[in-house]
Amino acid sequence: MERSEKGNCDTLDDIIDINEISRDTEEHVPFDIGALADVSLYDDLGERTKFGEIHADYKTIFIFTRHLLCYTTKEYVEDLAKVSRESLRDAQVRLVLIACTNYKHMSAFRKVTKYPYHFYCDVDNILYERLGFEKKGYLGGGSIHVKSGFLRGMFNSTCRAVASGYREFQGNPQQQGGSLIVGPGNEVNFFHRDKHAQDHVPINDLLQRAGVRPVNYAKDRRVLDF
């Protein structure tokens, strides 16, 4: 398998003021996402693809996760898996998960969360660095998608780590993630950097921004008719 190499493009903070981008800004935020088009990502099998190829023809919701043993990440992605194929197809939108880990950990995570859509890893954390995602271990609180308390969540994470057979973190435990809606092409519709592990954007907020029908979650009942 061909390994990725770090490019020499500038960080997005060199292109646009970091304070101008958050979940509360205008939907269309102008900056050159094309500078990251050639960054290599890897799927579950270790096959390489370019970041720019993923969103070239479709509006794409990117979710950048924390490490894959993080219980907040697992429970958020379990809810992400409930987004229907029909709603994505009708809206012509792709849903893409990107993890800061090695591809060897991805299949087990896909199985435990039942996440069925596009899934890649940023082996060298190039996108995480260029997009300015924070590195701090603060777990925070307040997510409607996280059901476990701290103790139960950490216990479950430990059990998954033991069962995996790998004596390593499945990604940098200090790394935070974020979300990005971009495409078709390089049109950026939304961008958010997570401040802590439960600062991820509610899934229905992302879906509505991308024109996808919302999901009827237990703590976010936006779907009234079935």
Protein backbone atom coordinates (compact mmCIF):
# COMPACT_ATOMS: atom_id res chain seq x y z
CA MET A 1 0.00 0.00 0.00
CA GLU A 2 1.29 3.45 -0.86
CA ARG A 3 1.73 5.68 2.11
CA SER A 4 0.61 9.31 2.18
CA GLU A 5 3.06 12.19 2.19
CA LYS A 6 2.56 15.57 3.75
CA GLY A 7 2.13 18.30 1.22
CA ASN A 8 3.19 21.91 1.44
CA CYS A 9 -0.13 23.73 1.19
CA ASP A 10 -0.92 26.42 3.74
CA THR A 11 -3.26 25.95 6.68
CA LEU A 12 -6.77 27.29 6.25
CA ASP A 13 -5.96 29.88 8.91
CA ASP A 14 -3.57 31.38 6.33
CA ILE A 15 -6.49 31.65 3.90
CA ILE A 16 -9.34 32.84 6.14
CA ASP A 17 -9.70 34.22 9.65
CA ILE A 18 -10.31 31.34 12.07
CA ASN A 19 -12.92 33.41 13.94
CA GLU A 20 -15.06 33.78 10.82
CA ILE A 21 -15.92 30.08 10.68
CA SER A 22 -18.20 28.36 13.16
CA ARG A 23 -21.55 26.63 13.23
CA ASP A 24 -23.19 30.06 13.65
CA THR A 25 -21.82 31.74 10.52
CA GLU A 26 -23.35 32.09 7.07
CA GLU A 27 -23.92 28.85 5.21
CA HIS A 28 -21.58 29.80 2.35
CA VAL A 29 -18.07 30.44 3.68
CA PRO A 30 -15.56 31.31 0.95
CA PHE A 31 -12.11 29.71 1.18
CA ASP A 32 -10.06 27.52 -1.11
CA ILE A 33 -10.72 23.94 -0.05
CA GLY A 34 -9.05 22.97 -3.32
CA ALA A 35 -5.69 23.43 -1.60
CA LEU A 36 -6.39 20.10 0.15
CA ALA A 37 -7.59 18.18 -2.91
CA ASP A 38 -4.52 15.95 -3.21
CA VAL A 39 -4.38 14.82 0.43
CA SER A 40 -4.47 11.00 0.53
CA LEU A 41 -7.08 9.10 2.54
CA TYR A 42 -7.44 5.34 3.01
CA ASP A 43 -10.49 3.10 3.23
CA ASP A 44 -11.06 -0.04 5.31
CA LEU A 45 -8.90 -2.11 2.95
CA GLY A 46 -6.05 0.35 2.79
CA GLU A 47 -6.96 1.58 -0.70
CA ARG A 48 -6.01 5.19 -1.31
CA THR A 49 -8.21 8.00 -2.61
CA LYS A 50 -7.77 11.75 -2.85
CA PHE A 51 -9.80 14.07 -0.63
CA GLY A 52 -10.86 16.22 -3.57
CA GLU A 53 -12.23 13.25 -5.49
CA ILE A 54 -14.77 12.51 -2.77
CA HIS A 55 -16.63 15.82 -3.02
CA ALA A 56 -15.98 16.64 -6.68
CA ASP A 57 -19.43 15.60 -7.94
CA TYR A 58 -21.61 15.61 -4.81
CA LYS A 59 -22.45 17.83 -1.89
CA THR A 60 -20.69 15.98 0.93
CA ILE A 61 -21.07 15.98 4.70
CA PHE A 62 -17.68 15.19 6.26
CA ILE A 63 -17.52 14.15 9.91
CA PHE A 64 -14.01 14.15 11.39
CA THR A 65 -13.90 11.95 14.49
CA ARG A 66 -11.78 11.64 17.59
CA HIS A 67 -9.94 8.36 18.19
CA LEU A 68 -12.09 5.31 17.54
CA LEU A 69 -12.04 4.03 21.13
CA CYS A 70 -13.68 7.24 22.36
CA TYR A 71 -17.19 6.41 23.58
CA THR A 72 -18.53 9.81 22.50
CA THR A 73 -17.34 9.09 18.96
CA LYS A 74 -18.90 5.61 18.96
CA GLU A 75 -22.28 6.83 20.17
CA TYR A 76 -22.35 9.79 17.76
CA VAL A 77 -21.55 7.50 14.82
CA GLU A 78 -24.21 4.99 15.96
CA ASP A 79 -26.74 7.80 15.48
CA LEU A 80 -25.08 8.80 12.19
CA ALA A 81 -25.72 5.25 10.96
CA LYS A 82 -29.48 5.87 11.34
CA VAL A 83 -29.49 8.34 8.44
CA SER A 84 -31.36 6.58 5.64
CA ARG A 85 -29.89 5.80 2.23
CA GLU A 86 -33.11 7.04 0.64
CA SER A 87 -32.83 10.51 2.19
CA LEU A 88 -29.20 10.84 1.08
CA ARG A 89 -30.02 9.59 -2.40
CA ASP A 90 -32.99 11.92 -2.78
CA ALA A 91 -30.86 14.91 -1.77
CA GLN A 92 -27.86 13.73 -3.85
CA VAL A 93 -25.63 14.07 -0.76
CA ARG A 94 -22.74 11.91 0.41
CA LEU A 95 -22.08 11.17 4.06
CA VAL A 96 -18.40 10.61 4.84
CA LEU A 97 -16.65 9.69 8.08
CA ILE A 98 -12.94 10.46 8.48
CA ALA A 99 -10.92 9.08 11.40
CA CYS A 100 -7.49 10.02 12.72
CA THR A 101 -6.26 6.43 12.86
CA ASN A 102 -4.77 3.55 10.91
CA TYR A 103 -7.06 1.76 8.47
CA LYS A 104 -6.63 -1.55 10.35
CA HIS A 105 -8.99 -0.27 13.08
CA MET A 106 -11.80 0.78 10.78
CA SER A 107 -13.59 -2.49 10.06
CA ALA A 108 -14.18 -3.26 13.75
CA PHE A 109 -15.50 0.26 14.33
CA ARG A 110 -17.81 0.00 11.34
CA LYS A 111 -19.14 -3.31 12.71
CA VAL A 112 -19.79 -2.07 16.25
CA THR A 113 -21.49 1.16 15.12
CA LYS A 114 -23.27 -0.34 12.07
CA TYR A 115 -22.16 2.70 10.08
CA PRO A 116 -22.76 1.78 6.37
CA TYR A 117 -21.47 4.79 4.43
CA HIS A 118 -18.15 6.16 3.17
CA PHE A 119 -15.36 5.78 5.72
CA TYR A 120 -11.73 6.88 5.40
CA CYS A 121 -8.74 7.45 7.64
CA ASP A 122 -6.32 10.35 7.60
CA VAL A 123 -3.24 8.29 8.52
CA ASP A 124 -0.87 11.22 8.94
CA ASN A 125 -3.47 13.66 10.30
CA ILE A 126 -2.83 15.99 7.39
CA LEU A 127 -6.43 17.17 7.02
CA TYR A 128 -6.80 17.48 10.79
CA GLU A 129 -3.75 19.74 10.92
CA ARG A 130 -4.57 21.81 7.85
CA LEU A 131 -8.16 22.32 8.97
CA GLY A 132 -6.91 23.43 12.38
CA PHE A 133 -8.70 20.86 14.54
CA GLU A 134 -7.68 21.19 18.15
CA LYS A 135 -5.52 18.83 20.20
CA LYS A 136 -6.71 18.68 23.78
CA GLY A 137 -8.23 15.86 25.80
CA TYR A 138 -11.22 17.71 27.28
CA LEU A 139 -14.34 15.49 27.05
CA GLY A 140 -16.93 18.17 27.76
CA GLY A 141 -20.64 17.37 27.79
CA GLY A 142 -24.04 18.28 26.41
CA SER A 143 -24.33 16.21 23.23
CA ILE A 144 -27.79 14.84 22.46
CA HIS A 145 -26.10 11.89 20.74
CA VAL A 146 -24.07 10.67 23.73
CA LYS A 147 -26.11 8.39 25.99
CA SER A 148 -23.46 7.08 28.40
CA GLY A 149 -22.09 8.87 31.42
CA PHE A 150 -18.34 9.21 31.87
CA LEU A 151 -17.77 6.05 33.96
CA ARG A 152 -19.90 3.74 31.83
CA GLY A 153 -18.47 5.24 28.66
CA MET A 154 -14.87 4.76 29.77
CA PHE A 155 -15.62 1.20 30.91
CA ASN A 156 -17.12 0.34 27.53
CA SER A 157 -14.16 1.93 25.73
CA THR A 158 -11.75 -0.14 27.82
CA CYS A 159 -13.64 -3.32 27.00
CA ARG A 160 -13.50 -2.53 23.29
CA ALA A 161 -9.77 -1.82 23.53
CA VAL A 162 -9.12 -5.20 25.18
CA ALA A 163 -11.33 -7.04 22.69
CA SER A 164 -9.58 -5.41 19.73
CA GLY A 165 -6.29 -7.18 20.45
CA TYR A 166 -4.30 -4.01 19.72
CA ARG A 167 -2.25 -2.48 22.50
CA GLU A 168 -2.52 1.04 21.17
CA PHE A 169 -4.91 3.96 20.96
CA GLN A 170 -6.92 3.95 17.78
CA GLY A 171 -5.92 7.52 17.05
CA ASN A 172 -4.44 10.38 19.08
CA PRO A 173 -6.52 10.67 22.32
CA GLN A 174 -5.86 14.43 22.37
CA GLN A 175 -7.20 15.00 18.87
CA GLN A 176 -10.57 16.71 18.44
CA GLY A 177 -12.59 16.56 15.25
CA GLY A 178 -15.15 18.66 13.44
CA SER A 179 -17.54 18.79 10.50
CA LEU A 180 -17.50 20.16 6.98
CA ILE A 181 -20.10 20.41 4.24
CA VAL A 182 -18.55 20.96 0.82
CA GLY A 183 -19.35 20.37 -2.83
CA PRO A 184 -20.07 19.76 -5.52
CA GLY A 185 -16.56 20.92 -6.29
CA ASN A 186 -14.94 23.30 -3.85
CA GLU A 187 -17.97 25.23 -2.60
CA VAL A 188 -17.86 25.21 1.22
CA ASN A 189 -21.29 25.38 2.82
CA PHE A 190 -20.42 24.85 6.47
CA PHE A 191 -17.42 24.26 8.73
CA HIS A 192 -17.08 23.63 12.45
CA ARG A 193 -14.13 22.77 14.71
CA ASP A 194 -15.06 20.82 17.85
CA LYS A 195 -13.86 22.44 21.06
CA HIS A 196 -14.24 19.21 23.03
CA ALA A 197 -15.39 15.61 22.60
CA GLN A 198 -19.12 16.42 22.81
CA ASP A 199 -19.03 19.65 20.84
CA HIS A 200 -19.88 17.86 17.59
CA VAL A 201 -22.72 19.44 15.61
CA PRO A 202 -26.11 17.73 16.07
CA ILE A 203 -26.62 15.39 13.13
CA ASN A 204 -29.97 16.89 12.14
CA ASP A 205 -28.37 20.34 11.95
CA LEU A 206 -25.90 18.98 9.41
CA LEU A 207 -28.59 17.16 7.47
CA GLN A 208 -30.81 20.21 7.24
CA ARG A 209 -27.92 22.40 6.10
CA ALA A 210 -27.23 19.87 3.35
CA GLY A 211 -30.88 19.55 2.33
CA VAL A 212 -31.35 16.02 3.73
CA ARG A 213 -34.45 14.91 5.63
CA PRO A 214 -33.82 14.83 9.41
CA VAL A 215 -33.87 11.72 11.59
CA ASN A 216 -36.21 11.17 14.53
CA TYR A 217 -33.71 10.79 17.39
CA ALA A 218 -34.87 10.27 20.97
CA LYS A 219 -33.59 13.71 22.04
CA ASP A 220 -34.16 15.48 18.73
CA ARG A 221 -37.64 14.70 17.42
CA ARG A 222 -37.83 16.72 14.22
CA VAL A 223 -39.66 14.05 12.21
CA LEU A 224 -43.35 14.15 13.07
CA ASP A 225 -44.78 11.94 10.35
CA PHE A 226 -43.69 8.47 9.25
